Amino acid sequence: VIALRGPSLRRIEIPIEGLHPALEGLRIAQISDL
C-alpha cells in the first residue's frame, strides 16, 4: 500500500555560499528510480 499509492513530496532547502541573487529560491524537482 505504501509503495503503490504514489510518492510523497519531500521539500529540501540547499544553502549555497555566495548564491547569485537571481537564483535565490530556485526550485528543482527530482524524479528518480521510477
All heavy atoms as atom14 arrays in JSON, in Angstrom:
{
  "sequence": "VIALRGPSLRRIEIPIEGLHPALEGLRIAQISDL",
  "atom14_mask": [
    [1, 1, 1, 1, 1, 1, 1, 0, 0, 0, 0, 0, 0, 0],
    [1, 1, 1, 1, 1, 1, 1, 1, 0, 0, 0, 0, 0, 0],
    [1, 1, 1, 1, 1, 0, 0, 0, 0, 0, 0, 0, 0, 0],
    [1, 1, 1, 1, 1, 1, 1, 1, 0, 0, 0, 0, 0, 0],
    [1, 1, 1, 1, 1, 1, 1, 1, 1, 1, 1, 0, 0, 0],
    [1, 1, 1, 1, 0, 0, 0, 0, 0, 0, 0, 0, 0, 0],
    [1, 1, 1, 1, 1, 1, 1, 0, 0, 0, 0, 0, 0, 0],
    [1, 1, 1, 1, 1, 1, 0, 0, 0, 0, 0, 0, 0, 0],
    [1, 1, 1, 1, 1, 1, 1, 1, 0, 0, 0, 0, 0, 0],
    [1, 1, 1, 1, 1, 1, 1, 1, 1, 1, 1, 0, 0, 0],
    [1, 1, 1, 1, 1, 1, 1, 1, 1, 1, 1, 0, 0, 0],
    [1, 1, 1, 1, 1, 1, 1, 1, 0, 0, 0, 0, 0, 0],
    [1, 1, 1, 1, 1, 1, 1, 1, 1, 0, 0, 0, 0, 0],
    [1, 1, 1, 1, 1, 1, 1, 1, 0, 0, 0, 0, 0, 0],
    [1, 1, 1, 1, 1, 1, 1, 0, 0, 0, 0, 0, 0, 0],
    [1, 1, 1, 1, 1, 1, 1, 1, 0, 0, 0, 0, 0, 0],
    [1, 1, 1, 1, 1, 1, 1, 1, 1, 0, 0, 0, 0, 0],
    [1, 1, 1, 1, 0, 0, 0, 0, 0, 0, 0, 0, 0, 0],
    [1, 1, 1, 1, 1, 1, 1, 1, 0, 0, 0, 0, 0, 0],
    [1, 1, 1, 1, 1, 1, 1, 1, 1, 1, 0, 0, 0, 0],
    [1, 1, 1, 1, 1, 1, 1, 0, 0, 0, 0, 0, 0, 0],
    [1, 1, 1, 1, 1, 0, 0, 0, 0, 0, 0, 0, 0, 0],
    [1, 1, 1, 1, 1, 1, 1, 1, 0, 0, 0, 0, 0, 0],
    [1, 1, 1, 1, 1, 1, 1, 1, 1, 0, 0, 0, 0, 0],
    [1, 1, 1, 1, 0, 0, 0, 0, 0, 0, 0, 0, 0, 0],
    [1, 1, 1, 1, 1, 1, 1, 1, 0, 0, 0, 0, 0, 0],
    [1, 1, 1, 1, 1, 1, 1, 1, 1, 1, 1, 0, 0, 0],
    [1, 1, 1, 1, 1, 1, 1, 1, 0, 0, 0, 0, 0, 0],
    [1, 1, 1, 1, 1, 0, 0, 0, 0, 0, 0, 0, 0, 0],
    [1, 1, 1, 1, 1, 1, 1, 1, 1, 0, 0, 0, 0, 0],
    [1, 1, 1, 1, 1, 1, 1, 1, 0, 0, 0, 0, 0, 0],
    [1, 1, 1, 1, 1, 1, 0, 0, 0, 0, 0, 0, 0, 0],
    [1, 1, 1, 1, 1, 1, 1, 1, 0, 0, 0, 0, 0, 0],
    [1, 1, 1, 1, 1, 1, 1, 1, 0, 0, 0, 0, 0, 0]
  ],
  "atom14_positions": [
    [[0.84, -1.2, 0.0], [0.0, 0.0, 0.0], [0.88, 1.25, 0.0], [0.64, 2.2, -0.76], [-0.96, 0.0, 1.21], [-1.63, 1.36, 1.37], [-2.01, -1.09, 1.06], [0.0, 0.0, 0.0], [0.0, 0.0, 0.0], [0.0, 0.0, 0.0], [0.0, 0.0, 0.0], [0.0, 0.0, 0.0], [0.0, 0.0, 0.0], [0.0, 0.0, 0.0]],
    [[1.91, 1.26, 0.85], [2.82, 2.41, 0.92], [3.51, 2.62, -0.42], [3.67, 3.75, -0.89], [3.86, 2.2, 2.04], [3.17, 2.19, 3.4], [4.93, 3.29, 1.99], [4.07, 1.77, 4.54], [0.0, 0.0, 0.0], [0.0, 0.0, 0.0], [0.0, 0.0, 0.0], [0.0, 0.0, 0.0], [0.0, 0.0, 0.0], [0.0, 0.0, 0.0]],
    [[3.92, 1.52, -1.05], [4.68, 1.62, -2.3], [3.85, 2.08, -3.48], [4.3, 2.92, -4.27], [5.32, 0.26, -2.62], [0.0, 0.0, 0.0], [0.0, 0.0, 0.0], [0.0, 0.0, 0.0], [0.0, 0.0, 0.0], [0.0, 0.0, 0.0], [0.0, 0.0, 0.0], [0.0, 0.0, 0.0], [0.0, 0.0, 0.0], [0.0, 0.0, 0.0]],
    [[2.63, 1.57, -3.6], [1.86, 1.77, -4.82], [0.88, 2.94, -4.76], [0.28, 3.29, -5.77], [1.11, 0.48, -5.18], [2.0, -0.72, -5.53], [1.15, -1.91, -5.92], [2.98, -0.38, -6.63], [0.0, 0.0, 0.0], [0.0, 0.0, 0.0], [0.0, 0.0, 0.0], [0.0, 0.0, 0.0], [0.0, 0.0, 0.0], [0.0, 0.0, 0.0]],
    [[0.73, 3.57, -3.6], [-0.2, 4.71, -3.56], [0.43, 5.97, -4.12], [-0.25, 6.98, -4.29], [-0.68, 4.95, -2.13], [0.37, 5.49, -1.18], [-0.21, 5.65, 0.2], [0.8, 6.1, 1.16], [0.58, 6.26, 2.46], [-0.64, 5.97, 2.94], [1.53, 6.66, 3.27], [0.0, 0.0, 0.0], [0.0, 0.0, 0.0], [0.0, 0.0, 0.0]],
    [[1.72, 5.92, -4.42], [2.37, 7.07, -5.05], [3.33, 7.76, -4.11], [3.28, 7.57, -2.89], [0.0, 0.0, 0.0], [0.0, 0.0, 0.0], [0.0, 0.0, 0.0], [0.0, 0.0, 0.0], [0.0, 0.0, 0.0], [0.0, 0.0, 0.0], [0.0, 0.0, 0.0], [0.0, 0.0, 0.0], [0.0, 0.0, 0.0], [0.0, 0.0, 0.0]],
    [[4.22, 8.59, -4.68], [5.25, 9.22, -3.87], [4.71, 10.37, -3.02], [3.76, 11.06, -3.41], [6.23, 9.75, -4.92], [5.39, 10.02, -6.12], [4.33, 8.94, -6.11], [0.0, 0.0, 0.0], [0.0, 0.0, 0.0], [0.0, 0.0, 0.0], [0.0, 0.0, 0.0], [0.0, 0.0, 0.0], [0.0, 0.0, 0.0], [0.0, 0.0, 0.0]],
    [[5.33, 10.54, -1.87], [5.04, 11.72, -1.05], [6.03, 12.82, -1.43], [7.12, 12.54, -1.94], [5.18, 11.38, 0.44], [6.48, 10.88, 0.72], [0.0, 0.0, 0.0], [0.0, 0.0, 0.0], [0.0, 0.0, 0.0], [0.0, 0.0, 0.0], [0.0, 0.0, 0.0], [0.0, 0.0, 0.0], [0.0, 0.0, 0.0], [0.0, 0.0, 0.0]],
    [[5.65, 14.05, -1.18], [6.5, 15.19, -1.52], [7.5, 15.43, -0.39], [7.13, 15.52, 0.78], [5.67, 16.45, -1.74], [6.45, 17.74, -2.01], [7.29, 17.6, -3.27], [5.5, 18.93, -2.1], [0.0, 0.0, 0.0], [0.0, 0.0, 0.0], [0.0, 0.0, 0.0], [0.0, 0.0, 0.0], [0.0, 0.0, 0.0], [0.0, 0.0, 0.0]],
    [[8.77, 15.55, -0.76], [9.8, 15.9, 0.21], [10.45, 17.2, -0.22], [10.95, 17.32, -1.34], [10.86, 14.8, 0.3], [11.86, 15.06, 1.42], [12.73, 13.88, 1.72], [13.55, 14.13, 2.88], [14.54, 13.34, 3.3], [14.82, 12.23, 2.62], [15.24, 13.64, 4.37], [0.0, 0.0, 0.0], [0.0, 0.0, 0.0], [0.0, 0.0, 0.0]],
    [[10.42, 18.19, 0.67], [10.98, 19.51, 0.39], [12.33, 19.65, 1.08], [12.45, 19.39, 2.29], [10.04, 20.61, 0.87], [8.68, 20.6, 0.16], [7.76, 21.68, 0.73], [6.44, 21.63, 0.12], [6.1, 22.32, -0.94], [6.99, 23.14, -1.53], [4.88, 22.24, -1.44], [0.0, 0.0, 0.0], [0.0, 0.0, 0.0], [0.0, 0.0, 0.0]],
    [[13.34, 20.08, 0.32], [14.7, 20.22, 0.84], [15.23, 21.6, 0.46], [15.08, 22.03, -0.69], [15.64, 19.14, 0.24], [15.11, 17.74, 0.53], [17.06, 19.31, 0.78], [15.13, 17.35, 2.0], [0.0, 0.0, 0.0], [0.0, 0.0, 0.0], [0.0, 0.0, 0.0], [0.0, 0.0, 0.0], [0.0, 0.0, 0.0], [0.0, 0.0, 0.0]],
    [[15.83, 22.29, 1.43], [16.48, 23.56, 1.13], [17.99, 23.35, 1.14], [18.54, 22.73, 2.06], [16.07, 24.63, 2.15], [14.61, 25.03, 2.01], [14.28, 26.29, 2.8], [14.99, 26.59, 3.78], [13.32, 26.98, 2.43], [0.0, 0.0, 0.0], [0.0, 0.0, 0.0], [0.0, 0.0, 0.0], [0.0, 0.0, 0.0], [0.0, 0.0, 0.0]],
    [[18.65, 23.87, 0.1], [20.09, 23.7, -0.06], [20.77, 25.06, 0.15], [20.59, 25.97, -0.67], [20.44, 23.17, -1.47], [19.59, 21.95, -1.82], [21.92, 22.86, -1.56], [19.9, 20.71, -1.02], [0.0, 0.0, 0.0], [0.0, 0.0, 0.0], [0.0, 0.0, 0.0], [0.0, 0.0, 0.0], [0.0, 0.0, 0.0], [0.0, 0.0, 0.0]],
    [[21.54, 25.24, 1.23], [22.23, 26.52, 1.44], [23.5, 26.61, 0.6], [24.37, 25.74, 0.68], [22.55, 26.49, 2.94], [22.68, 25.04, 3.27], [21.76, 24.3, 2.34], [0.0, 0.0, 0.0], [0.0, 0.0, 0.0], [0.0, 0.0, 0.0], [0.0, 0.0, 0.0], [0.0, 0.0, 0.0], [0.0, 0.0, 0.0], [0.0, 0.0, 0.0]],
    [[23.61, 27.65, -0.2], [24.73, 27.82, -1.11], [25.48, 29.11, -0.77], [24.88, 30.2, -0.72], [24.27, 27.87, -2.58], [23.48, 26.59, -2.94], [25.46, 28.06, -3.52], [24.28, 25.31, -2.87], [0.0, 0.0, 0.0], [0.0, 0.0, 0.0], [0.0, 0.0, 0.0], [0.0, 0.0, 0.0], [0.0, 0.0, 0.0], [0.0, 0.0, 0.0]],
    [[26.78, 29.0, -0.52], [27.61, 30.17, -0.27], [27.68, 31.04, -1.52], [27.92, 30.54, -2.62], [29.02, 29.75, 0.14], [29.11, 28.99, 1.46], [28.98, 29.89, 2.67], [29.05, 31.13, 2.49], [28.82, 29.37, 3.79], [0.0, 0.0, 0.0], [0.0, 0.0, 0.0], [0.0, 0.0, 0.0], [0.0, 0.0, 0.0], [0.0, 0.0, 0.0]],
    [[27.46, 32.34, -1.36], [27.6, 33.27, -2.48], [26.62, 33.04, -3.6], [26.94, 33.3, -4.77], [0.0, 0.0, 0.0], [0.0, 0.0, 0.0], [0.0, 0.0, 0.0], [0.0, 0.0, 0.0], [0.0, 0.0, 0.0], [0.0, 0.0, 0.0], [0.0, 0.0, 0.0], [0.0, 0.0, 0.0], [0.0, 0.0, 0.0], [0.0, 0.0, 0.0]],
    [[25.42, 32.55, -3.28], [24.42, 32.26, -4.31], [24.04, 33.54, -5.06], [23.78, 34.59, -4.44], [23.19, 31.64, -3.67], [22.05, 31.23, -4.62], [22.5, 30.1, -5.53], [20.82, 30.81, -3.81], [0.0, 0.0, 0.0], [0.0, 0.0, 0.0], [0.0, 0.0, 0.0], [0.0, 0.0, 0.0], [0.0, 0.0, 0.0], [0.0, 0.0, 0.0]],
    [[24.02, 33.48, -6.37], [23.61, 34.62, -7.2], [22.19, 35.02, -6.8], [21.3, 34.16, -6.65], [23.65, 34.22, -8.67], [23.52, 35.37, -9.62], [22.34, 36.05, -9.78], [24.42, 35.94, -10.47], [22.5, 37.01, -10.68], [23.77, 36.96, -11.12], [0.0, 0.0, 0.0], [0.0, 0.0, 0.0], [0.0, 0.0, 0.0], [0.0, 0.0, 0.0]],
    [[21.91, 36.31, -6.63], [20.58, 36.75, -6.2], [19.45, 36.24, -7.09], [18.35, 35.96, -6.59], [20.69, 38.28, -6.26], [22.15, 38.57, -6.09], [22.86, 37.44, -6.75], [0.0, 0.0, 0.0], [0.0, 0.0, 0.0], [0.0, 0.0, 0.0], [0.0, 0.0, 0.0], [0.0, 0.0, 0.0], [0.0, 0.0, 0.0], [0.0, 0.0, 0.0]],
    [[19.69, 36.1, -8.38], [18.63, 35.64, -9.28], [18.28, 34.17, -9.05], [17.22, 33.71, -9.5], [19.06, 35.84, -10.73], [0.0, 0.0, 0.0], [0.0, 0.0, 0.0], [0.0, 0.0, 0.0], [0.0, 0.0, 0.0], [0.0, 0.0, 0.0], [0.0, 0.0, 0.0], [0.0, 0.0, 0.0], [0.0, 0.0, 0.0], [0.0, 0.0, 0.0]],
    [[19.16, 33.44, -8.34], [18.92, 32.02, -8.1], [18.34, 31.75, -6.73], [18.11, 30.6, -6.37], [20.22, 31.23, -8.29], [20.87, 31.33, -9.68], [22.13, 30.48, -9.74], [19.88, 30.92, -10.76], [0.0, 0.0, 0.0], [0.0, 0.0, 0.0], [0.0, 0.0, 0.0], [0.0, 0.0, 0.0], [0.0, 0.0, 0.0], [0.0, 0.0, 0.0]],
    [[18.14, 32.81, -5.93], [17.51, 32.65, -4.62], [16.11, 32.08, -4.8], [15.27, 32.63, -5.51], [17.43, 33.99, -3.91], [16.74, 33.95, -2.56], [17.62, 33.39, -1.45], [18.86, 33.46, -1.59], [17.07, 32.88, -0.46], [0.0, 0.0, 0.0], [0.0, 0.0, 0.0], [0.0, 0.0, 0.0], [0.0, 0.0, 0.0], [0.0, 0.0, 0.0]],
    [[15.87, 30.91, -4.17], [14.57, 30.26, -4.27], [14.38, 29.4, -5.51], [13.27, 28.9, -5.74], [0.0, 0.0, 0.0], [0.0, 0.0, 0.0], [0.0, 0.0, 0.0], [0.0, 0.0, 0.0], [0.0, 0.0, 0.0], [0.0, 0.0, 0.0], [0.0, 0.0, 0.0], [0.0, 0.0, 0.0], [0.0, 0.0, 0.0], [0.0, 0.0, 0.0]],
    [[15.44, 29.19, -6.3], [15.33, 28.32, -7.49], [14.79, 26.95, -7.07], [15.27, 26.34, -6.11], [16.69, 28.16, -8.16], [16.67, 27.31, -9.44], [16.34, 28.18, -10.63], [18.0, 26.6, -9.64], [0.0, 0.0, 0.0], [0.0, 0.0, 0.0], [0.0, 0.0, 0.0], [0.0, 0.0, 0.0], [0.0, 0.0, 0.0], [0.0, 0.0, 0.0]],
    [[13.84, 26.45, -7.83], [13.15, 25.2, -7.48], [13.52, 24.11, -8.49], [13.34, 24.27, -9.69], [11.63, 25.42, -7.47], [11.2, 26.42, -6.42], [9.88, 27.08, -6.77], [8.77, 26.15, -6.74], [8.05, 25.86, -5.65], [8.34, 26.44, -4.51], [7.04, 25.01, -5.7], [0.0, 0.0, 0.0], [0.0, 0.0, 0.0], [0.0, 0.0, 0.0]],
    [[14.03, 23.0, -7.96], [14.43, 21.85, -8.78], [13.58, 20.65, -8.34], [13.63, 20.25, -7.17], [15.91, 21.51, -8.61], [16.8, 22.73, -8.9], [16.31, 20.33, -9.5], [18.24, 22.55, -8.47], [0.0, 0.0, 0.0], [0.0, 0.0, 0.0], [0.0, 0.0, 0.0], [0.0, 0.0, 0.0], [0.0, 0.0, 0.0], [0.0, 0.0, 0.0]],
    [[12.82, 20.09, -9.25], [12.08, 18.87, -8.97], [12.91, 17.67, -9.39], [13.43, 17.63, -10.51], [10.75, 18.87, -9.7], [0.0, 0.0, 0.0], [0.0, 0.0, 0.0], [0.0, 0.0, 0.0], [0.0, 0.0, 0.0], [0.0, 0.0, 0.0], [0.0, 0.0, 0.0], [0.0, 0.0, 0.0], [0.0, 0.0, 0.0], [0.0, 0.0, 0.0]],
    [[13.05, 16.7, -8.5], [13.81, 15.49, -8.81], [12.9, 14.28, -8.8], [12.16, 14.03, -7.85], [14.95, 15.27, -7.8], [15.8, 14.03, -8.14], [16.8, 13.68, -7.05], [16.77, 14.28, -5.96], [17.69, 12.75, -7.32], [0.0, 0.0, 0.0], [0.0, 0.0, 0.0], [0.0, 0.0, 0.0], [0.0, 0.0, 0.0], [0.0, 0.0, 0.0]],
    [[12.97, 13.52, -9.9], [12.3, 12.22, -10.0], [13.39, 11.19, -10.25], [14.23, 11.38, -11.14], [11.28, 12.21, -11.16], [10.25, 13.32, -10.98], [10.58, 10.85, -11.24], [9.32, 13.48, -12.17], [0.0, 0.0, 0.0], [0.0, 0.0, 0.0], [0.0, 0.0, 0.0], [0.0, 0.0, 0.0], [0.0, 0.0, 0.0], [0.0, 0.0, 0.0]],
    [[13.39, 10.13, -9.49], [14.47, 9.15, -9.61], [13.94, 7.74, -9.4], [12.97, 7.53, -8.66], [15.57, 9.46, -8.57], [16.73, 8.69, -8.81], [0.0, 0.0, 0.0], [0.0, 0.0, 0.0], [0.0, 0.0, 0.0], [0.0, 0.0, 0.0], [0.0, 0.0, 0.0], [0.0, 0.0, 0.0], [0.0, 0.0, 0.0], [0.0, 0.0, 0.0]],
    [[14.59, 6.78, -10.05], [14.29, 5.36, -9.8], [12.79, 5.07, -9.88], [12.21, 4.45, -9.01], [14.85, 4.95, -8.44], [16.36, 5.1, -8.37], [16.83, 6.21, -8.03], [17.08, 4.15, -8.68], [0.0, 0.0, 0.0], [0.0, 0.0, 0.0], [0.0, 0.0, 0.0], [0.0, 0.0, 0.0], [0.0, 0.0, 0.0], [0.0, 0.0, 0.0]],
    [[12.19, 5.51, -10.97], [10.76, 5.27, -11.18], [10.49, 3.8, -11.48], [9.47, 3.24, -11.07], [10.27, 6.16, -12.32], [8.77, 6.29, -12.53], [8.07, 6.73, -11.26], [8.48, 7.26, -13.67], [0.0, 0.0, 0.0], [0.0, 0.0, 0.0], [0.0, 0.0, 0.0], [0.0, 0.0, 0.0], [0.0, 0.0, 0.0], [0.0, 0.0, 0.0]]
  ]
}
